[in-house]
Amino acid sequence: LIMRGVVLALLIAVVFATNGVPGNTPSVSQTGELRENQKFLFGPTETKCARHVICKSCVEDISCGWCATAGLCHDGNVLGPQKANCTMWEFAWCSGEPCVEHASCTSCTTDPLCGWCSSTQTCTEGSANGPMFGDCHEDQWFGDHCNGALSIHGH
């Protein structure tokens, strides 16, 4: 009787692993189809950059860039993706993210629309010329580099 229960449990596990739980989990064939459809529409994505699923983590990887058109991370550089076609290429920073999303001076100052205020330890809108809003004293503003910026986090 116990052996019969174990066999039944294993059989159920195999069925769910191959077919998915109806309505909750995509089946193996469904995820395979999704990958094939992405390859067809956007080109191959089986690279080290493909592991990034959001723009921020993608552009923080020096050899990757975000294709906003496809919502995928590809191998590439400032000129564009290496093996994909993309009309909205994001490299080194994500144009759709607010400055406050940057947690360090280094990531903040790589975004040309942001700058780091060392007195508040925050990233806000601005440029190398200064903050867009007068909420940071001039000698505490770092718009294009972090040399001399004190950081609690050591960034």
N, C-alpha and C. Protein backbone atom coordinates (compact mmCIF):
# COMPACT_ATOMS: atom_id res chain seq x y z
N LEU A 1 0.83 -1.20 0.00
CA LEU A 1 0.00 0.00 0.00
C LEU A 1 0.87 1.26 0.00
N ILE A 2 1.95 1.25 0.81
CA ILE A 2 2.85 2.42 0.85
C ILE A 2 3.55 2.58 -0.49
N MET A 3 3.99 1.47 -1.07
CA MET A 3 4.68 1.52 -2.36
C MET A 3 3.75 2.08 -3.44
N ARG A 4 2.48 1.72 -3.40
CA ARG A 4 1.51 2.21 -4.36
C ARG A 4 1.36 3.73 -4.24
N GLY A 5 1.35 4.25 -2.98
CA GLY A 5 1.25 5.70 -2.74
C GLY A 5 2.46 6.45 -3.26
N VAL A 6 3.65 5.87 -3.08
CA VAL A 6 4.88 6.50 -3.57
C VAL A 6 4.88 6.55 -5.09
N VAL A 7 4.48 5.46 -5.73
CA VAL A 7 4.43 5.41 -7.19
C VAL A 7 3.43 6.43 -7.71
N LEU A 8 2.28 6.55 -7.07
CA LEU A 8 1.25 7.51 -7.48
C LEU A 8 1.78 8.94 -7.32
N ALA A 9 2.46 9.23 -6.22
CA ALA A 9 3.03 10.56 -6.00
C ALA A 9 4.07 10.89 -7.05
N LEU A 10 4.92 9.94 -7.40
CA LEU A 10 5.93 10.17 -8.44
C LEU A 10 5.28 10.40 -9.79
N LEU A 11 4.24 9.64 -10.09
CA LEU A 11 3.52 9.81 -11.35
C LEU A 11 2.91 11.20 -11.44
N ILE A 12 2.30 11.66 -10.38
CA ILE A 12 1.69 13.00 -10.36
C ILE A 12 2.78 14.07 -10.54
N ALA A 13 3.91 13.90 -9.87
CA ALA A 13 5.01 14.86 -9.99
C ALA A 13 5.51 14.94 -11.42
N VAL A 14 5.63 13.81 -12.10
CA VAL A 14 6.10 13.78 -13.49
C VAL A 14 5.09 14.47 -14.40
N VAL A 15 3.81 14.22 -14.19
CA VAL A 15 2.76 14.84 -15.02
C VAL A 15 2.81 16.35 -14.86
N PHE A 16 2.88 16.85 -13.62
CA PHE A 16 2.91 18.30 -13.40
C PHE A 16 4.21 18.91 -13.92
N ALA A 17 5.31 18.19 -13.83
CA ALA A 17 6.59 18.72 -14.31
C ALA A 17 6.59 18.88 -15.82
N THR A 18 5.89 17.99 -16.53
CA THR A 18 5.87 18.09 -17.99
C THR A 18 4.70 18.91 -18.50
N ASN A 19 3.58 18.92 -17.81
CA ASN A 19 2.40 19.62 -18.31
C ASN A 19 2.08 20.91 -17.55
N GLY A 20 2.68 21.12 -16.37
CA GLY A 20 2.37 22.30 -15.58
C GLY A 20 1.08 22.11 -14.81
N VAL A 21 0.89 22.92 -13.81
CA VAL A 21 -0.36 22.92 -13.06
C VAL A 21 -1.31 23.81 -13.83
N PRO A 22 -2.46 23.27 -14.25
CA PRO A 22 -3.37 24.05 -15.09
C PRO A 22 -3.69 25.41 -14.47
N GLY A 23 -3.45 26.48 -15.27
CA GLY A 23 -3.77 27.83 -14.84
C GLY A 23 -2.73 28.49 -13.96
N ASN A 24 -1.72 27.76 -13.48
CA ASN A 24 -0.75 28.36 -12.57
C ASN A 24 0.68 28.37 -13.10
N THR A 25 1.12 27.27 -13.64
CA THR A 25 2.50 27.12 -14.03
C THR A 25 2.59 26.82 -15.51
N PRO A 26 3.44 27.53 -16.25
CA PRO A 26 3.58 27.17 -17.67
C PRO A 26 4.24 25.81 -17.80
N SER A 27 3.79 25.07 -18.76
CA SER A 27 4.36 23.75 -19.00
C SER A 27 5.72 23.89 -19.67
N VAL A 28 6.45 22.78 -19.71
CA VAL A 28 7.75 22.77 -20.38
C VAL A 28 7.58 23.15 -21.84
N SER A 29 6.55 22.64 -22.47
CA SER A 29 6.35 22.96 -23.89
C SER A 29 5.97 24.43 -24.07
N GLN A 30 5.21 24.99 -23.12
CA GLN A 30 4.83 26.40 -23.24
C GLN A 30 6.04 27.32 -23.08
N THR A 31 6.91 27.05 -22.11
CA THR A 31 8.09 27.90 -21.94
C THR A 31 9.04 27.73 -23.12
N GLY A 32 9.12 26.53 -23.67
CA GLY A 32 9.93 26.31 -24.86
C GLY A 32 9.40 27.10 -26.04
N GLU A 33 8.07 27.12 -26.20
CA GLU A 33 7.45 27.90 -27.27
C GLU A 33 7.72 29.39 -27.09
N LEU A 34 7.64 29.88 -25.85
CA LEU A 34 7.90 31.28 -25.57
C LEU A 34 9.33 31.65 -25.97
N ARG A 35 10.30 30.82 -25.59
CA ARG A 35 11.69 31.08 -25.95
C ARG A 35 11.87 31.09 -27.47
N GLU A 36 11.24 30.13 -28.14
CA GLU A 36 11.35 30.08 -29.60
C GLU A 36 10.72 31.31 -30.24
N ASN A 37 9.58 31.76 -29.71
CA ASN A 37 8.92 32.96 -30.24
C ASN A 37 9.80 34.19 -30.04
N GLN A 38 10.44 34.31 -28.86
CA GLN A 38 11.33 35.43 -28.62
C GLN A 38 12.51 35.40 -29.58
N LYS A 39 13.08 34.22 -29.83
CA LYS A 39 14.20 34.11 -30.76
C LYS A 39 13.76 34.53 -32.16
N PHE A 40 12.54 34.11 -32.55
CA PHE A 40 12.03 34.46 -33.87
C PHE A 40 11.83 35.97 -34.00
N LEU A 41 11.22 36.58 -32.97
CA LEU A 41 10.92 38.01 -33.03
C LEU A 41 12.13 38.90 -32.79
N PHE A 42 12.99 38.53 -31.82
CA PHE A 42 14.04 39.43 -31.38
C PHE A 42 15.45 38.92 -31.59
N GLY A 43 15.62 37.75 -32.16
CA GLY A 43 16.94 37.18 -32.35
C GLY A 43 17.33 36.33 -31.15
N PRO A 44 18.43 35.58 -31.26
CA PRO A 44 18.83 34.70 -30.16
C PRO A 44 19.19 35.50 -28.90
N THR A 45 18.78 34.97 -27.73
CA THR A 45 19.06 35.66 -26.47
C THR A 45 19.80 34.77 -25.49
N GLU A 46 20.29 33.63 -25.93
CA GLU A 46 20.99 32.70 -25.03
C GLU A 46 22.43 33.16 -24.83
N THR A 47 22.62 34.27 -24.17
CA THR A 47 23.94 34.81 -23.89
C THR A 47 24.04 35.09 -22.39
N LYS A 48 25.22 35.52 -21.93
CA LYS A 48 25.35 35.84 -20.52
C LYS A 48 24.48 37.03 -20.14
N CYS A 49 24.21 37.92 -21.06
CA CYS A 49 23.38 39.09 -20.77
C CYS A 49 21.89 38.73 -20.66
N ALA A 50 21.48 37.63 -21.25
CA ALA A 50 20.07 37.23 -21.24
C ALA A 50 19.56 36.94 -19.83
N ARG A 51 20.47 36.72 -18.88
CA ARG A 51 20.04 36.44 -17.51
C ARG A 51 19.44 37.67 -16.84
N HIS A 52 19.72 38.87 -17.34
CA HIS A 52 19.17 40.10 -16.77
C HIS A 52 17.75 40.31 -17.30
N VAL A 53 16.81 40.53 -16.40
CA VAL A 53 15.43 40.67 -16.83
C VAL A 53 14.89 42.10 -16.67
N ILE A 54 15.70 42.99 -16.09
CA ILE A 54 15.31 44.40 -15.99
C ILE A 54 16.44 45.27 -16.51
N CYS A 55 16.11 46.46 -16.95
CA CYS A 55 17.09 47.37 -17.54
C CYS A 55 18.23 47.68 -16.58
N LYS A 56 17.91 48.00 -15.34
CA LYS A 56 18.93 48.45 -14.39
C LYS A 56 20.06 47.42 -14.22
N SER A 57 19.71 46.16 -13.97
CA SER A 57 20.76 45.15 -13.79
C SER A 57 21.50 44.89 -15.10
N CYS A 58 20.80 45.02 -16.21
CA CYS A 58 21.41 44.80 -17.51
C CYS A 58 22.50 45.83 -17.79
N VAL A 59 22.19 47.10 -17.65
CA VAL A 59 23.16 48.13 -18.01
C VAL A 59 24.29 48.26 -16.99
N GLU A 60 24.12 47.69 -15.80
CA GLU A 60 25.20 47.68 -14.82
C GLU A 60 26.26 46.64 -15.16
N ASP A 61 25.94 45.72 -16.06
CA ASP A 61 26.89 44.73 -16.57
C ASP A 61 27.58 45.37 -17.78
N ILE A 62 28.86 45.63 -17.68
CA ILE A 62 29.61 46.42 -18.65
C ILE A 62 29.54 45.91 -20.09
N SER A 63 29.27 44.63 -20.29
CA SER A 63 29.23 44.09 -21.65
C SER A 63 27.80 43.91 -22.18
N CYS A 64 26.83 44.49 -21.47
CA CYS A 64 25.42 44.32 -21.85
C CYS A 64 24.73 45.66 -22.08
N GLY A 65 23.64 45.59 -22.82
CA GLY A 65 22.78 46.75 -23.04
C GLY A 65 21.34 46.29 -23.12
N TRP A 66 20.42 47.20 -22.85
CA TRP A 66 19.00 46.89 -22.79
C TRP A 66 18.31 47.33 -24.07
N CYS A 67 17.58 46.42 -24.68
CA CYS A 67 16.76 46.76 -25.84
C CYS A 67 15.35 47.04 -25.32
N ALA A 68 15.01 48.32 -25.20
CA ALA A 68 13.70 48.70 -24.66
C ALA A 68 12.58 48.28 -25.61
N THR A 69 12.87 48.19 -26.88
CA THR A 69 11.88 47.77 -27.87
C THR A 69 11.39 46.35 -27.58
N ALA A 70 12.33 45.46 -27.28
CA ALA A 70 12.01 44.05 -27.04
C ALA A 70 11.87 43.71 -25.56
N GLY A 71 12.40 44.57 -24.68
CA GLY A 71 12.39 44.26 -23.25
C GLY A 71 13.37 43.15 -22.91
N LEU A 72 14.51 43.12 -23.64
CA LEU A 72 15.51 42.07 -23.45
C LEU A 72 16.90 42.67 -23.30
N CYS A 73 17.77 41.96 -22.59
CA CYS A 73 19.15 42.36 -22.41
C CYS A 73 20.03 41.59 -23.40
N HIS A 74 20.89 42.31 -24.11
CA HIS A 74 21.75 41.69 -25.14
C HIS A 74 23.21 42.05 -24.91
N ASP A 75 24.11 41.21 -25.42
CA ASP A 75 25.52 41.55 -25.47
C ASP A 75 25.66 42.75 -26.39
N GLY A 76 26.50 43.71 -25.99
CA GLY A 76 26.69 44.87 -26.84
C GLY A 76 27.57 45.91 -26.21
N ASN A 77 27.59 47.09 -26.84
CA ASN A 77 28.38 48.21 -26.34
C ASN A 77 27.64 49.50 -26.65
N VAL A 78 28.32 50.62 -26.50
CA VAL A 78 27.67 51.91 -26.69
C VAL A 78 27.10 52.08 -28.10
N LEU A 79 27.66 51.36 -29.07
CA LEU A 79 27.19 51.47 -30.46
C LEU A 79 25.93 50.66 -30.75
N GLY A 80 25.64 49.65 -29.89
CA GLY A 80 24.45 48.85 -30.09
C GLY A 80 24.68 47.39 -29.76
N PRO A 81 23.65 46.58 -29.97
CA PRO A 81 23.78 45.15 -29.67
C PRO A 81 24.68 44.46 -30.68
N GLN A 82 25.36 43.39 -30.23
CA GLN A 82 26.26 42.66 -31.12
C GLN A 82 25.52 41.80 -32.14
N LYS A 83 24.50 41.07 -31.69
CA LYS A 83 23.85 40.11 -32.59
C LYS A 83 22.34 40.26 -32.62
N ALA A 84 21.84 41.45 -32.42
CA ALA A 84 20.39 41.67 -32.44
C ALA A 84 20.11 43.00 -33.12
N ASN A 85 18.88 43.19 -33.50
CA ASN A 85 18.43 44.43 -34.10
C ASN A 85 17.56 45.14 -33.08
N CYS A 86 17.87 46.39 -32.75
CA CYS A 86 17.12 47.10 -31.72
C CYS A 86 17.04 48.58 -32.06
N THR A 87 15.85 49.13 -32.02
CA THR A 87 15.68 50.56 -32.33
C THR A 87 15.78 51.45 -31.09
N MET A 88 15.56 50.90 -29.89
CA MET A 88 15.66 51.68 -28.66
C MET A 88 16.71 51.03 -27.75
N TRP A 89 17.98 51.33 -27.99
CA TRP A 89 19.11 50.72 -27.29
C TRP A 89 19.51 51.56 -26.09
N GLU A 90 19.57 50.93 -24.92
CA GLU A 90 19.97 51.59 -23.68
C GLU A 90 21.30 50.99 -23.24
N PHE A 91 22.33 51.82 -23.11
CA PHE A 91 23.64 51.34 -22.67
C PHE A 91 24.16 52.27 -21.58
N ALA A 92 24.59 51.70 -20.46
CA ALA A 92 25.16 52.41 -19.31
C ALA A 92 24.10 53.07 -18.42
N TRP A 93 22.93 53.38 -18.93
CA TRP A 93 21.86 53.93 -18.09
C TRP A 93 20.52 53.69 -18.77
N CYS A 94 19.47 53.70 -17.96
CA CYS A 94 18.11 53.45 -18.46
C CYS A 94 17.34 54.77 -18.50
N SER A 95 16.94 55.18 -19.67
CA SER A 95 16.30 56.49 -19.82
C SER A 95 14.94 56.58 -19.12
N GLY A 96 14.29 55.47 -18.89
CA GLY A 96 12.96 55.51 -18.30
C GLY A 96 12.93 55.48 -16.78
N GLU A 97 14.11 55.41 -16.12
CA GLU A 97 14.13 55.31 -14.67
C GLU A 97 14.41 56.65 -14.02
N PRO A 98 13.71 56.97 -12.93
CA PRO A 98 13.98 58.23 -12.23
C PRO A 98 15.33 58.17 -11.51
N CYS A 99 15.93 59.32 -11.28
CA CYS A 99 17.26 59.39 -10.65
C CYS A 99 17.28 58.75 -9.28
N VAL A 100 16.19 58.84 -8.55
CA VAL A 100 16.15 58.30 -7.19
C VAL A 100 16.40 56.79 -7.15
N GLU A 101 16.26 56.11 -8.28
CA GLU A 101 16.51 54.67 -8.36
C GLU A 101 17.99 54.32 -8.20
N HIS A 102 18.88 55.28 -8.45
CA HIS A 102 20.32 55.04 -8.31
C HIS A 102 20.69 55.09 -6.83
N ALA A 103 21.32 54.03 -6.35
CA ALA A 103 21.65 53.92 -4.93
C ALA A 103 23.06 54.38 -4.59
N SER A 104 23.88 54.64 -5.59
CA SER A 104 25.26 55.05 -5.32
C SER A 104 25.65 56.22 -6.21
N CYS A 105 26.69 56.92 -5.80
CA CYS A 105 27.20 58.03 -6.59
C CYS A 105 27.64 57.56 -7.97
N THR A 106 28.32 56.43 -8.03
CA THR A 106 28.83 55.91 -9.29
C THR A 106 27.72 55.64 -10.30
N SER A 107 26.67 54.91 -9.88
CA SER A 107 25.59 54.63 -10.82
C SER A 107 24.82 55.90 -11.15
N CYS A 108 24.71 56.81 -10.20
CA CYS A 108 24.00 58.08 -10.42
C CYS A 108 24.68 58.93 -11.48
N THR A 109 25.99 59.09 -11.36
CA THR A 109 26.70 59.99 -12.27
C THR A 109 26.93 59.40 -13.67
N THR A 110 26.64 58.11 -13.85
CA THR A 110 26.70 57.56 -15.21
C THR A 110 25.45 57.92 -16.00
N ASP A 111 24.41 58.34 -15.31
CA ASP A 111 23.17 58.79 -15.95
C ASP A 111 23.31 60.28 -16.25
N PRO A 112 23.31 60.67 -17.52
CA PRO A 112 23.55 62.08 -17.86
C PRO A 112 22.46 63.05 -17.39
N LEU A 113 21.34 62.52 -16.92
CA LEU A 113 20.25 63.38 -16.46
C LEU A 113 20.19 63.48 -14.94
N CYS A 114 21.21 62.92 -14.25
CA CYS A 114 21.21 62.87 -12.79
C CYS A 114 22.52 63.35 -12.20
N GLY A 115 22.49 63.61 -10.90
CA GLY A 115 23.69 63.96 -10.17
C GLY A 115 23.55 63.56 -8.71
N TRP A 116 24.69 63.45 -8.02
CA TRP A 116 24.73 62.96 -6.65
C TRP A 116 24.91 64.12 -5.68
N CYS A 117 24.06 64.17 -4.64
CA CYS A 117 24.19 65.16 -3.58
C CYS A 117 24.79 64.44 -2.37
N SER A 118 26.05 64.75 -2.05
CA SER A 118 26.72 64.00 -0.98
C SER A 118 26.17 64.33 0.40
N SER A 119 25.59 65.53 0.59
CA SER A 119 25.06 65.87 1.92
C SER A 119 23.81 65.06 2.26
N THR A 120 23.02 64.72 1.25
CA THR A 120 21.80 63.93 1.49
C THR A 120 21.94 62.47 1.08
N GLN A 121 23.08 62.15 0.41
CA GLN A 121 23.32 60.79 -0.07
C GLN A 121 22.21 60.32 -1.01
N THR A 122 21.78 61.23 -1.90
CA THR A 122 20.71 60.89 -2.83
C THR A 122 21.08 61.32 -4.25
N CYS A 123 20.46 60.66 -5.18
CA CYS A 123 20.61 60.97 -6.60
C CYS A 123 19.35 61.72 -7.03
N THR A 124 19.54 62.90 -7.63
CA THR A 124 18.39 63.70 -8.07
C THR A 124 18.63 64.20 -9.48
N GLU A 125 17.61 64.76 -10.10
CA GLU A 125 17.69 65.27 -11.45
C GLU A 125 18.66 66.44 -11.51
N GLY A 126 19.48 66.46 -12.55
CA GLY A 126 20.44 67.53 -12.75
C GLY A 126 21.45 67.15 -13.81
N SER A 127 22.57 67.88 -13.84
CA SER A 127 23.63 67.62 -14.82
C SER A 127 24.97 67.99 -14.20
N ALA A 128 26.00 68.01 -15.02
CA ALA A 128 27.32 68.41 -14.55
C ALA A 128 27.31 69.86 -14.06
N ASN A 129 26.38 70.66 -14.54
CA ASN A 129 26.29 72.07 -14.16
C ASN A 129 25.63 72.30 -12.81
N GLY A 130 24.89 71.33 -12.32
CA GLY A 130 24.22 71.48 -11.03
C GLY A 130 22.88 70.80 -11.00
N PRO A 131 22.25 70.81 -9.83
CA PRO A 131 20.94 70.16 -9.70
C PRO A 131 19.85 70.94 -10.44
N MET A 132 18.86 70.20 -10.93
CA MET A 132 17.75 70.83 -11.63
C MET A 132 16.91 71.66 -10.65
N PHE A 133 16.76 71.15 -9.45
CA PHE A 133 16.00 71.84 -8.41
C PHE A 133 17.00 72.24 -7.34
N GLY A 134 16.88 73.41 -6.75
CA GLY A 134 17.86 73.93 -5.81
C GLY A 134 17.89 73.24 -4.46
N ASP A 135 17.89 71.92 -4.45
CA ASP A 135 17.81 71.19 -3.18
C ASP A 135 19.16 70.62 -2.73
N CYS A 136 20.27 71.04 -3.35
CA CYS A 136 21.59 70.55 -2.95
C CYS A 136 22.59 71.71 -3.09
N HIS A 137 23.37 71.94 -2.06
CA HIS A 137 24.36 73.01 -2.10
C HIS A 137 25.40 72.71 -3.17
N GLU A 138 25.86 73.74 -3.84
CA GLU A 138 26.77 73.61 -4.98
C GLU A 138 28.03 72.79 -4.67
N ASP A 139 28.62 72.98 -3.49
CA ASP A 139 29.85 72.24 -3.18
C ASP A 139 29.60 70.79 -2.77
N GLN A 140 28.34 70.41 -2.67
CA GLN A 140 27.97 69.02 -2.36
C GLN A 140 27.46 68.26 -3.58
N TRP A 141 27.44 68.93 -4.74
CA TRP A 141 26.87 68.36 -5.97
C TRP A 141 27.94 67.72 -6.85
N PHE A 142 27.68 66.50 -7.30
CA PHE A 142 28.57 65.79 -8.21
C PHE A 142 27.73 65.32 -9.40
N GLY A 143 27.92 65.99 -10.53
CA GLY A 143 27.08 65.72 -11.69
C GLY A 143 27.68 64.80 -12.73
N ASP A 144 29.01 64.66 -12.76
CA ASP A 144 29.59 63.81 -13.80
C ASP A 144 30.70 62.89 -13.29
N HIS A 145 31.00 62.93 -12.00
CA HIS A 145 32.01 62.05 -11.41
C HIS A 145 31.78 62.00 -9.90
N CYS A 146 32.49 61.10 -9.25
CA CYS A 146 32.34 60.95 -7.80
C CYS A 146 33.62 61.30 -7.05
N ASN A 147 34.61 61.84 -7.73
CA ASN A 147 35.87 62.21 -7.07
C ASN A 147 35.60 63.25 -5.99
N GLY A 148 35.88 62.89 -4.74
CA GLY A 148 35.67 63.80 -3.63
C GLY A 148 34.31 63.69 -2.96
N ALA A 149 33.43 62.87 -3.54
CA ALA A 149 32.09 62.70 -2.95
C ALA A 149 32.19 61.72 -1.79
N LEU A 150 31.76 62.14 -0.63
CA LEU A 150 31.73 61.25 0.52
C LEU A 150 30.46 60.44 0.47
N SER A 151 30.58 59.17 0.74
CA SER A 151 29.41 58.31 0.71
C SER A 151 29.38 57.41 1.93
N ILE A 152 28.23 57.31 2.52
CA ILE A 152 28.03 56.42 3.67
C ILE A 152 28.30 54.99 3.27
N HIS A 153 27.93 54.65 2.03
CA HIS A 153 28.01 53.27 1.55
C HIS A 153 29.35 52.95 0.91
N GLY A 154 30.21 53.93 0.80
CA GLY A 154 31.52 53.69 0.20
C GLY A 154 31.52 53.60 -1.30
N HIS A 155 30.50 54.13 -1.97
CA HIS A 155 30.42 54.05 -3.43
C HIS A 155 30.93 55.34 -4.04
